[in-house]
PDB file of N, CA and C in Angstrom:
ATOM      1  N   UNK A   1     -49.852 -15.858   6.026  1.00  0.00           N
ATOM      2  CA  UNK A   1     -48.571 -16.815   6.059  1.00  0.00           C
ATOM      3  C   UNK A   1     -47.296 -16.135   6.331  1.00  0.00           C
ATOM      4  N   UNK A   2     -46.481 -16.304   7.199  1.00  0.00           N
ATOM      5  CA  UNK A   2     -45.068 -15.695   7.216  1.00  0.00           C
ATOM      6  C   UNK A   2     -44.306 -16.345   6.043  1.00  0.00           C
ATOM      7  N   UNK A   3     -43.416 -15.543   5.627  1.00  0.00           N
ATOM      8  CA  UNK A   3     -42.579 -16.171   4.366  1.00  0.00           C
ATOM      9  C   UNK A   3     -41.161 -16.697   5.080  1.00  0.00           C
ATOM     10  N   UNK A   4     -41.037 -16.399   6.273  1.00  0.00           N
ATOM     11  CA  UNK A   4     -39.806 -16.780   6.995  1.00  0.00           C
ATOM     12  C   UNK A   4     -40.282 -17.759   8.075  1.00  0.00           C
ATOM     13  N   UNK A   5     -39.646 -19.030   8.218  1.00  0.00           N
ATOM     14  CA  UNK A   5     -40.180 -19.768   9.411  1.00  0.00           C
ATOM     15  C   UNK A   5     -39.537 -19.259  10.535  1.00  0.00           C
ATOM     16  N   UNK A   6     -39.974 -19.883  11.672  1.00  0.00           N
ATOM     17  CA  UNK A   6     -39.402 -19.256  13.148  1.00  0.00           C
ATOM     18  C   UNK A   6     -38.053 -19.889  13.308  1.00  0.00           C
ATOM     19  N   UNK A   7     -37.697 -21.069  12.611  1.00  0.00           N
ATOM     20  CA  UNK A   7     -36.281 -21.742  12.583  1.00  0.00           C
ATOM     21  C   UNK A   7     -35.386 -20.900  11.674  1.00  0.00           C
ATOM     22  N   UNK A   8     -35.867 -20.239  10.549  1.00  0.00           N
ATOM     23  CA  UNK A   8     -35.005 -19.347   9.770  1.00  0.00           C
ATOM     24  C   UNK A   8     -34.935 -17.956  10.335  1.00  0.00           C
ATOM     25  N   UNK A   9     -35.872 -17.538  11.210  1.00  0.00           N
ATOM     26  CA  UNK A   9     -35.722 -16.193  11.682  1.00  0.00           C
ATOM     27  C   UNK A   9     -34.772 -16.409  12.864  1.00  0.00           C
ATOM     28  N   UNK A  10     -34.887 -17.454  13.566  1.00  0.00           N
ATOM     29  CA  UNK A  10     -33.852 -17.552  14.690  1.00  0.00           C
ATOM     30  C   UNK A  10     -32.489 -17.759  14.169  1.00  0.00           C
ATOM     31  N   UNK A  11     -32.130 -18.293  13.136  1.00  0.00           N
ATOM     32  CA  UNK A  11     -30.851 -18.429  12.527  1.00  0.00           C
ATOM     33  C   UNK A  11     -30.337 -16.919  11.827  1.00  0.00           C
ATOM     34  N   UNK A  12     -31.395 -16.171  11.456  1.00  0.00           N
ATOM     35  CA  UNK A  12     -31.086 -14.837  10.995  1.00  0.00           C
ATOM     36  C   UNK A  12     -30.862 -13.837  12.020  1.00  0.00           C
ATOM     37  N   UNK A  13     -31.264 -14.132  13.323  1.00  0.00           N
ATOM     38  CA  UNK A  13     -31.068 -13.274  14.419  1.00  0.00           C
ATOM     39  C   UNK A  13     -30.005 -13.618  15.215  1.00  0.00           C
ATOM     40  N   UNK A  14     -29.067 -14.792  14.982  1.00  0.00           N
ATOM     41  CA  UNK A  14     -27.923 -15.174  15.598  1.00  0.00           C
ATOM     42  C   UNK A  14     -26.880 -14.469  15.105  1.00  0.00           C
ATOM     43  N   UNK A  15     -26.117 -13.814  16.022  1.00  0.00           N
ATOM     44  CA  UNK A  15     -24.875 -13.271  15.780  1.00  0.00           C
ATOM     45  C   UNK A  15     -23.857 -14.089  14.972  1.00  0.00           C
ATOM     46  N   UNK A  16     -23.170 -13.691  13.714  1.00  0.00           N
ATOM     47  CA  UNK A  16     -22.464 -14.311  12.965  1.00  0.00           C
ATOM     48  C   UNK A  16     -21.119 -14.664  13.613  1.00  0.00           C
ATOM     49  N   UNK A  17     -20.379 -15.662  13.093  1.00  0.00           N
ATOM     50  CA  UNK A  17     -19.238 -16.074  13.759  1.00  0.00           C
ATOM     51  C   UNK A  17     -18.228 -15.042  12.819  1.00  0.00           C
ATOM     52  N   UNK A  18     -16.821 -14.890  13.691  1.00  0.00           N
ATOM     53  CA  UNK A  18     -15.903 -14.100  13.051  1.00  0.00           C
ATOM     54  C   UNK A  18     -15.494 -14.467  11.573  1.00  0.00           C
ATOM     55  N   UNK A  19     -15.426 -15.908  11.436  1.00  0.00           N
ATOM     56  CA  UNK A  19     -15.132 -16.251  10.107  1.00  0.00           C
ATOM     57  C   UNK A  19     -16.150 -15.783   9.121  1.00  0.00           C
ATOM     58  N   UNK A  20     -17.439 -15.881   9.509  1.00  0.00           N
ATOM     59  CA  UNK A  20     -18.448 -15.335   8.672  1.00  0.00           C
ATOM     60  C   UNK A  20     -18.421 -14.008   8.192  1.00  0.00           C
ATOM     61  N   UNK A  21     -18.006 -13.054   9.365  1.00  0.00           N
ATOM     62  CA  UNK A  21     -18.019 -11.781   9.047  1.00  0.00           C
ATOM     63  C   UNK A  21     -16.757 -11.402   8.059  1.00  0.00           C
ATOM     64  N   UNK A  22     -15.649 -12.115   8.427  1.00  0.00           N
ATOM     65  CA  UNK A  22     -14.452 -12.045   7.468  1.00  0.00           C
ATOM     66  C   UNK A  22     -14.759 -12.415   6.059  1.00  0.00           C
ATOM     67  N   UNK A  23     -15.161 -13.632   5.838  1.00  0.00           N
ATOM     68  CA  UNK A  23     -15.602 -14.115   4.637  1.00  0.00           C
ATOM     69  C   UNK A  23     -16.715 -12.986   3.621  1.00  0.00           C
ATOM     70  N   UNK A  24     -17.592 -12.559   4.539  1.00  0.00           N
ATOM     71  CA  UNK A  24     -18.307 -11.586   3.718  1.00  0.00           C
ATOM     72  C   UNK A  24     -17.680 -10.375   3.405  1.00  0.00           C
ATOM     73  N   UNK A  25     -16.751  -9.763   4.345  1.00  0.00           N
ATOM     74  CA  UNK A  25     -16.061  -8.539   4.032  1.00  0.00           C
ATOM     75  C   UNK A  25     -15.114  -8.859   2.833  1.00  0.00           C
ATOM     76  N   UNK A  26     -14.713 -10.007   2.909  1.00  0.00           N
ATOM     77  CA  UNK A  26     -13.418 -10.252   1.776  1.00  0.00           C
ATOM     78  C   UNK A  26     -14.291 -10.679   0.443  1.00  0.00           C
ATOM     79  N   UNK A  27     -15.464 -10.842   0.547  1.00  0.00           N
ATOM     80  CA  UNK A  27     -16.086 -11.098  -0.729  1.00  0.00           C
ATOM     81  C   UNK A  27     -16.543  -9.891  -1.577  1.00  0.00           C
ATOM     82  N   UNK A  28     -16.409  -8.664  -0.685  1.00  0.00           N
ATOM     83  CA  UNK A  28     -16.927  -7.433  -1.232  1.00  0.00           C
ATOM     84  C   UNK A  28     -15.979  -6.877  -2.082  1.00  0.00           C
ATOM     85  N   UNK A  29     -16.327  -6.138  -3.191  1.00  0.00           N
ATOM     86  CA  UNK A  29     -15.436  -5.389  -3.951  1.00  0.00           C
ATOM     87  C   UNK A  29     -14.574  -4.261  -3.131  1.00  0.00           C
ATOM     88  N   UNK A  30     -13.367  -4.499  -3.126  1.00  0.00           N
ATOM     89  CA  UNK A  30     -12.599  -3.372  -2.247  1.00  0.00           C
ATOM     90  C   UNK A  30     -12.695  -2.126  -2.614  1.00  0.00           C
ATOM     91  N   UNK A  31     -13.063  -1.578  -3.730  1.00  0.00           N
ATOM     92  CA  UNK A  31     -13.323  -0.251  -3.976  1.00  0.00           C
ATOM     93  C   UNK A  31     -14.593   0.147  -4.489  1.00  0.00           C
ATOM     94  N   UNK A  32     -15.607  -0.752  -4.463  1.00  0.00           N
ATOM     95  CA  UNK A  32     -16.871  -0.492  -4.908  1.00  0.00           C
ATOM     96  C   UNK A  32     -17.550   0.926  -4.438  1.00  0.00           C
ATOM     97  N   UNK A  33     -17.721   0.939  -3.125  1.00  0.00           N
ATOM     98  CA  UNK A  33     -18.242   2.150  -2.439  1.00  0.00           C
ATOM     99  C   UNK A  33     -17.756   2.354  -1.032  1.00  0.00           C
ATOM    100  N   UNK A  34     -17.581   3.329  -0.537  1.00  0.00           N
ATOM    101  CA  UNK A  34     -17.109   3.687   0.758  1.00  0.00           C
ATOM    102  C   UNK A  34     -18.204   3.394   1.587  1.00  0.00           C
ATOM    103  N   UNK A  35     -18.016   3.037   2.718  1.00  0.00           N
ATOM    104  CA  UNK A  35     -18.988   2.903   3.914  1.00  0.00           C
ATOM    105  C   UNK A  35     -19.308   4.095   4.522  1.00  0.00           C
ATOM    106  N   UNK A  36     -20.284   4.007   5.548  1.00  0.00           N
ATOM    107  CA  UNK A  36     -20.771   5.388   6.011  1.00  0.00           C
ATOM    108  C   UNK A  36     -19.546   5.991   6.929  1.00  0.00           C
ATOM    109  N   UNK A  37     -18.387   5.236   7.238  1.00  0.00           N
ATOM    110  CA  UNK A  37     -17.337   6.085   7.897  1.00  0.00           C
ATOM    111  C   UNK A  37     -16.156   6.538   6.819  1.00  0.00           C
ATOM    112  N   UNK A  38     -16.537   6.449   5.592  1.00  0.00           N
ATOM    113  CA  UNK A  38     -15.786   6.903   4.402  1.00  0.00           C
ATOM    114  C   UNK A  38     -14.570   5.819   3.891  1.00  0.00           C
ATOM    115  N   UNK A  39     -14.741   4.771   4.521  1.00  0.00           N
ATOM    116  CA  UNK A  39     -13.662   3.847   4.128  1.00  0.00           C
ATOM    117  C   UNK A  39     -14.113   2.824   3.291  1.00  0.00           C
ATOM    118  N   UNK A  40     -13.282   2.384   2.371  1.00  0.00           N
ATOM    119  CA  UNK A  40     -13.610   1.357   1.574  1.00  0.00           C
ATOM    120  C   UNK A  40     -13.403  -0.053   2.201  1.00  0.00           C
ATOM    121  N   UNK A  41     -13.906  -1.157   1.646  1.00  0.00           N
ATOM    122  CA  UNK A  41     -13.610  -2.508   2.199  1.00  0.00           C
ATOM    123  C   UNK A  41     -12.240  -2.881   2.171  1.00  0.00           C
ATOM    124  N   UNK A  42     -11.427  -2.250   1.126  1.00  0.00           N
ATOM    125  CA  UNK A  42     -10.064  -2.495   0.935  1.00  0.00           C
ATOM    126  C   UNK A  42      -9.359  -2.120   2.260  1.00  0.00           C
ATOM    127  N   UNK A  43      -9.835  -1.019   2.956  1.00  0.00           N
ATOM    128  CA  UNK A  43      -9.018  -0.724   4.362  1.00  0.00           C
ATOM    129  C   UNK A  43      -9.223  -1.804   5.263  1.00  0.00           C
ATOM    130  N   UNK A  44     -10.371  -2.397   5.360  1.00  0.00           N
ATOM    131  CA  UNK A  44     -10.515  -3.368   6.279  1.00  0.00           C
ATOM    132  C   UNK A  44      -9.944  -4.724   5.902  1.00  0.00           C
ATOM    133  N   UNK A  45      -9.927  -5.174   4.483  1.00  0.00           N
ATOM    134  CA  UNK A  45      -9.293  -6.063   4.095  1.00  0.00           C
ATOM    135  C   UNK A  45      -7.933  -6.132   4.152  1.00  0.00           C
ATOM    136  N   UNK A  46      -7.241  -5.082   3.909  1.00  0.00           N
ATOM    137  CA  UNK A  46      -5.721  -5.004   3.929  1.00  0.00           C
ATOM    138  C   UNK A  46      -5.257  -4.788   5.533  1.00  0.00           C
ATOM    139  N   UNK A  47      -6.135  -4.378   6.481  1.00  0.00           N
ATOM    140  CA  UNK A  47      -5.676  -4.074   7.798  1.00  0.00           C
ATOM    141  C   UNK A  47      -6.475  -5.120   8.743  1.00  0.00           C
ATOM    142  N   UNK A  48      -7.008  -6.287   8.208  1.00  0.00           N
ATOM    143  CA  UNK A  48      -7.769  -7.102   9.043  1.00  0.00           C
ATOM    144  C   UNK A  48      -6.859  -7.746  10.079  1.00  0.00           C
ATOM    145  N   UNK A  49      -5.762  -7.893  10.123  1.00  0.00           N
ATOM    146  CA  UNK A  49      -4.841  -8.636  11.253  1.00  0.00           C
ATOM    147  C   UNK A  49      -4.886  -7.482  12.248  1.00  0.00           C
ATOM    148  N   UNK A  50      -5.043  -6.161  11.888  1.00  0.00           N
ATOM    149  CA  UNK A  50      -5.192  -5.000  13.080  1.00  0.00           C
ATOM    150  C   UNK A  50      -6.587  -4.823  13.665  1.00  0.00           C
ATOM    151  N   UNK A  51      -7.454  -4.614  12.640  1.00  0.00           N
ATOM    152  CA  UNK A  51      -8.864  -4.207  12.828  1.00  0.00           C
ATOM    153  C   UNK A  51      -9.975  -5.364  12.852  1.00  0.00           C
ATOM    154  N   UNK A  52      -9.606  -6.452  12.438  1.00  0.00           N
ATOM    155  CA  UNK A  52     -10.550  -7.649  12.280  1.00  0.00           C
ATOM    156  C   UNK A  52     -11.344  -8.001  13.510  1.00  0.00           C
ATOM    157  N   UNK A  53     -10.430  -7.965  14.837  1.00  0.00           N
ATOM    158  CA  UNK A  53     -11.351  -8.381  16.089  1.00  0.00           C
ATOM    159  C   UNK A  53     -12.233  -7.325  16.366  1.00  0.00           C
ATOM    160  N   UNK A  54     -11.696  -6.076  16.373  1.00  0.00           N
ATOM    161  CA  UNK A  54     -12.774  -4.885  16.852  1.00  0.00           C
ATOM    162  C   UNK A  54     -13.814  -4.802  15.855  1.00  0.00           C
ATOM    163  N   UNK A  55     -13.647  -5.018  14.561  1.00  0.00           N
ATOM    164  CA  UNK A  55     -14.830  -4.984  13.574  1.00  0.00           C
ATOM    165  C   UNK A  55     -15.842  -6.180  13.859  1.00  0.00           C
ATOM    166  N   UNK A  56     -15.399  -7.335  14.135  1.00  0.00           N
ATOM    167  CA  UNK A  56     -16.117  -8.308  14.379  1.00  0.00           C
ATOM    168  C   UNK A  56     -16.911  -8.290  15.699  1.00  0.00           C
ATOM    169  N   UNK A  57     -16.108  -7.624  16.651  1.00  0.00           N
ATOM    170  CA  UNK A  57     -17.011  -7.137  18.092  1.00  0.00           C
ATOM    171  C   UNK A  57     -18.152  -6.244  17.700  1.00  0.00           C
ATOM    172  N   UNK A  58     -17.821  -5.345  16.720  1.00  0.00           N
ATOM    173  CA  UNK A  58     -18.731  -4.313  16.616  1.00  0.00           C
ATOM    174  C   UNK A  58     -19.910  -4.890  15.692  1.00  0.00           C
ATOM    175  N   UNK A  59     -19.764  -5.774  15.000  1.00  0.00           N
ATOM    176  CA  UNK A  59     -20.912  -6.378  14.167  1.00  0.00           C
ATOM    177  C   UNK A  59     -21.646  -7.095  14.992  1.00  0.00           C
ATOM    178  N   UNK A  60     -21.015  -7.954  15.811  1.00  0.00           N
ATOM    179  CA  UNK A  60     -21.803  -8.784  16.964  1.00  0.00           C
ATOM    180  C   UNK A  60     -22.551  -7.930  17.796  1.00  0.00           C
ATOM    181  N   UNK A  61     -22.010  -6.800  18.314  1.00  0.00           N
ATOM    182  CA  UNK A  61     -22.691  -5.931  19.286  1.00  0.00           C
ATOM    183  C   UNK A  61     -23.966  -5.508  18.675  1.00  0.00           C
ATOM    184  N   UNK A  62     -23.968  -5.101  17.181  1.00  0.00           N
ATOM    185  CA  UNK A  62     -25.279  -4.685  16.717  1.00  0.00           C
ATOM    186  C   UNK A  62     -26.554  -5.698  16.890  1.00  0.00           C
ATOM    187  N   UNK A  63     -25.987  -7.108  17.105  1.00  0.00           N
ATOM    188  CA  UNK A  63     -27.230  -8.116  17.065  1.00  0.00           C
ATOM    189  C   UNK A  63     -27.647  -7.999  18.519  1.00  0.00           C
ATOM    190  N   UNK A  64     -26.929  -7.639  19.561  1.00  0.00           N
ATOM    191  CA  UNK A  64     -27.309  -7.596  20.868  1.00  0.00           C
ATOM    192  C   UNK A  64     -27.876  -6.265  21.254  1.00  0.00           C
ATOM    193  N   UNK A  65     -27.417  -5.248  20.636  1.00  0.00           N
ATOM    194  CA  UNK A  65     -27.971  -3.857  20.921  1.00  0.00           C
ATOM    195  C   UNK A  65     -28.210  -3.094  19.468  1.00  0.00           C
ATOM    196  N   UNK A  66     -29.331  -3.367  18.842  1.00  0.00           N
ATOM    197  CA  UNK A  66     -29.528  -2.908  17.628  1.00  0.00           C
ATOM    198  C   UNK A  66     -29.604  -1.300  17.475  1.00  0.00           C
ATOM    199  N   UNK A  67     -30.029  -0.930  18.611  1.00  0.00           N
ATOM    200  CA  UNK A  67     -30.079   0.776  18.495  1.00  0.00           C
ATOM    201  C   UNK A  67     -28.756   1.149  18.413  1.00  0.00           C
ATOM    202  N   UNK A  68     -27.652   0.562  18.457  1.00  0.00           N
ATOM    203  CA  UNK A  68     -26.138   0.993  18.308  1.00  0.00           C
ATOM    204  C   UNK A  68     -25.914   1.340  16.879  1.00  0.00           C
ATOM    205  N   UNK A  69     -26.879   0.851  16.077  1.00  0.00           N
ATOM    206  CA  UNK A  69     -26.561   1.076  14.527  1.00  0.00           C
ATOM    207  C   UNK A  69     -26.433   2.554  14.215  1.00  0.00           C
ATOM    208  N   UNK A  70     -27.143   3.386  15.094  1.00  0.00           N
ATOM    209  CA  UNK A  70     -27.008   4.734  14.766  1.00  0.00           C
ATOM    210  C   UNK A  70     -25.635   5.401  15.162  1.00  0.00           C
ATOM    211  N   UNK A  71     -25.012   4.695  16.018  1.00  0.00           N
ATOM    212  CA  UNK A  71     -23.497   5.224  16.205  1.00  0.00           C
ATOM    213  C   UNK A  71     -22.606   5.198  14.974  1.00  0.00           C
ATOM    214  N   UNK A  72     -23.076   4.424  14.000  1.00  0.00           N
ATOM    215  CA  UNK A  72     -22.220   4.251  12.744  1.00  0.00           C
ATOM    216  C   UNK A  72     -22.148   5.620  12.044  1.00  0.00           C
ATOM    217  N   UNK A  73     -22.995   6.401  12.266  1.00  0.00           N
ATOM    218  CA  UNK A  73     -23.212   7.943  11.388  1.00  0.00           C
ATOM    219  C   UNK A  73     -22.676   8.852  12.471  1.00  0.00           C
ATOM    220  N   UNK A  74     -22.215   8.705  13.773  1.00  0.00           N
ATOM    221  CA  UNK A  74     -21.744   9.599  14.609  1.00  0.00           C
ATOM    222  C   UNK A  74     -20.460  10.051  14.103  1.00  0.00           C
ATOM    223  N   UNK A  75     -20.231  11.464  14.444  1.00  0.00           N
ATOM    224  CA  UNK A  75     -18.982  11.787  13.919  1.00  0.00           C
ATOM    225  C   UNK A  75     -18.638  13.387  14.669  1.00  0.00           C
ATOM    226  N   UNK A  76     -17.318  13.516  14.704  1.00  0.00           N
ATOM    227  CA  UNK A  76     -16.933  14.956  15.136  1.00  0.00           C
ATOM    228  C   UNK A  76     -16.508  15.581  13.866  1.00  0.00           C
ATOM    229  N   UNK A  77     -16.935  16.903  13.733  1.00  0.00           N
ATOM    230  CA  UNK A  77     -16.416  17.878  12.837  1.00  0.00           C
ATOM    231  C   UNK A  77     -15.369  18.705  13.542  1.00  0.00           C
ATOM    232  N   UNK A  78     -14.305  18.661  12.843  1.00  0.00           N
ATOM    233  CA  UNK A  78     -13.173  19.551  13.300  1.00  0.00           C
ATOM    234  C   UNK A  78     -12.757  20.321  12.165  1.00  0.00           C
ATOM    235  N   UNK A  79     -12.444  21.638  12.583  1.00  0.00           N
ATOM    236  CA  UNK A  79     -12.171  22.839  11.405  1.00  0.00           C
ATOM    237  C   UNK A  79     -10.684  22.871  11.531  1.00  0.00           C
ATOM    238  N   UNK A  80      -9.821  22.831  10.506  1.00  0.00           N
ATOM    239  CA  UNK A  80      -8.469  22.709  10.447  1.00  0.00           C
ATOM    240  C   UNK A  80      -8.128  23.837   9.537  1.00  0.00           C
ATOM    241  N   UNK A  81      -7.418  24.691  10.273  1.00  0.00           N
ATOM    242  CA  UNK A  81      -7.036  26.012   9.092  1.00  0.00           C
ATOM    243  C   UNK A  81      -6.180  25.543   8.039  1.00  0.00           C
ATOM    244  N   UNK A  82      -6.458  26.355   6.779  1.00  0.00           N
ATOM    245  CA  UNK A  82      -5.864  26.103   5.515  1.00  0.00           C
ATOM    246  C   UNK A  82      -4.587  26.875   5.548  1.00  0.00           C
ATOM    247  N   UNK A  83      -4.252  27.854   6.258  1.00  0.00           N
ATOM    248  CA  UNK A  83      -3.388  28.930   6.320  1.00  0.00           C
ATOM    249  C   UNK A  83      -3.085  29.421   7.682  1.00  0.00           C
ATOM    250  N   UNK A  84      -2.072  30.111   7.764  1.00  0.00           N
ATOM    251  CA  UNK A  84      -1.489  30.710   9.126  1.00  0.00           C
ATOM    252  C   UNK A  84      -2.677  31.596   9.627  1.00  0.00           C
ATOM    253  N   UNK A  85      -3.126  32.498   8.883  1.00  0.00           N
ATOM    254  CA  UNK A  85      -3.788  33.777   9.226  1.00  0.00           C
ATOM    255  C   UNK A  85      -5.375  33.390   9.023  1.00  0.00           C
ATOM    256  N   UNK A  86      -6.000  32.920   9.822  1.00  0.00           N
ATOM    257  CA  UNK A  86      -7.501  32.511   9.393  1.00  0.00           C
ATOM    258  C   UNK A  86      -8.390  33.957   9.593  1.00  0.00           C
ATOM    259  N   UNK A  87      -9.101  34.121   8.363  1.00  0.00           N
ATOM    260  CA  UNK A  87      -9.875  35.417   8.537  1.00  0.00           C
ATOM    261  C   UNK A  87     -11.390  34.965   8.268  1.00  0.00           C
ATOM    262  N   UNK A  88     -11.691  34.119   7.249  1.00  0.00           N
ATOM    263  CA  UNK A  88     -13.256  33.688   7.115  1.00  0.00           C
ATOM    264  C   UNK A  88     -13.239  32.178   7.362  1.00  0.00           C
ATOM    265  N   UNK A  89     -14.618  31.649   7.385  1.00  0.00           N
ATOM    266  CA  UNK A  89     -14.831  30.195   7.398  1.00  0.00           C
ATOM    267  C   UNK A  89     -14.185  29.434   6.198  1.00  0.00           C
ATOM    268  N   UNK A  90     -14.027  30.065   5.225  1.00  0.00           N
ATOM    269  CA  UNK A  90     -13.595  29.330   3.970  1.00  0.00           C
ATOM    270  C   UNK A  90     -12.107  29.166   4.262  1.00  0.00           C
ATOM    271  N   UNK A  91     -11.314  29.581   5.207  1.00  0.00           N
ATOM    272  CA  UNK A  91     -10.086  29.314   5.555  1.00  0.00           C
ATOM    273  C   UNK A  91      -9.801  28.127   6.343  1.00  0.00           C
ATOM    274  N   UNK A  92     -10.891  27.327   6.529  1.00  0.00           N
ATOM    275  CA  UNK A  92     -11.027  26.269   7.348  1.00  0.00           C
ATOM    276  C   UNK A  92     -11.273  25.007   6.416  1.00  0.00           C
ATOM    277  N   UNK A  93     -10.680  23.916   6.640  1.00  0.00           N
ATOM    278  CA  UNK A  93     -11.043  22.711   5.949  1.00  0.00           C
ATOM    279  C   UNK A  93     -11.682  21.734   6.905  1.00  0.00           C
ATOM    280  N   UNK A  94     -13.167  21.520   6.872  1.00  0.00           N
ATOM    281  CA  UNK A  94     -13.619  20.461   7.701  1.00  0.00           C
ATOM    282  C   UNK A  94     -13.211  19.189   7.632  1.00  0.00           C
ATOM    283  N   UNK A  95     -13.022  18.498   8.689  1.00  0.00           N
ATOM    284  CA  UNK A  95     -12.536  17.177   8.771  1.00  0.00           C
ATOM    285  C   UNK A  95     -13.655  16.410   9.650  1.00  0.00           C
ATOM    286  N   UNK A  96     -14.028  15.247   9.235  1.00  0.00           N
ATOM    287  CA  UNK A  96     -14.994  14.325   9.991  1.00  0.00           C
ATOM    288  C   UNK A  96     -14.091  13.251  10.699  1.00  0.00           C
ATOM    289  N   UNK A  97     -14.224  13.227  12.037  1.00  0.00           N
ATOM    290  CA  UNK A  97     -13.388  12.284  12.822  1.00  0.00           C
ATOM    291  C   UNK A  97     -14.321  11.329  13.238  1.00  0.00           C
TER     292      UNK A  97
END
């Protein structure tokens, strides 16, 4: 016997409204732990007026295309020289973009 009814499952699979996403984000402890992108909830909370629409769009996209969840961990690694004359690998500082 299933624990979740068909009606409950349908509700859980429905993309959330922007307001629901915002309320959830703002209910998070701002500095508890960084996300996979290395940013704390505080970044999104303080910059909501700039990043809110894009953030909501991304969250809703995950409901339509669940396979895109893997893109959260995608990153480019760039090596930034620590000094003018680079001689060894330790003379670089890796940055994830």
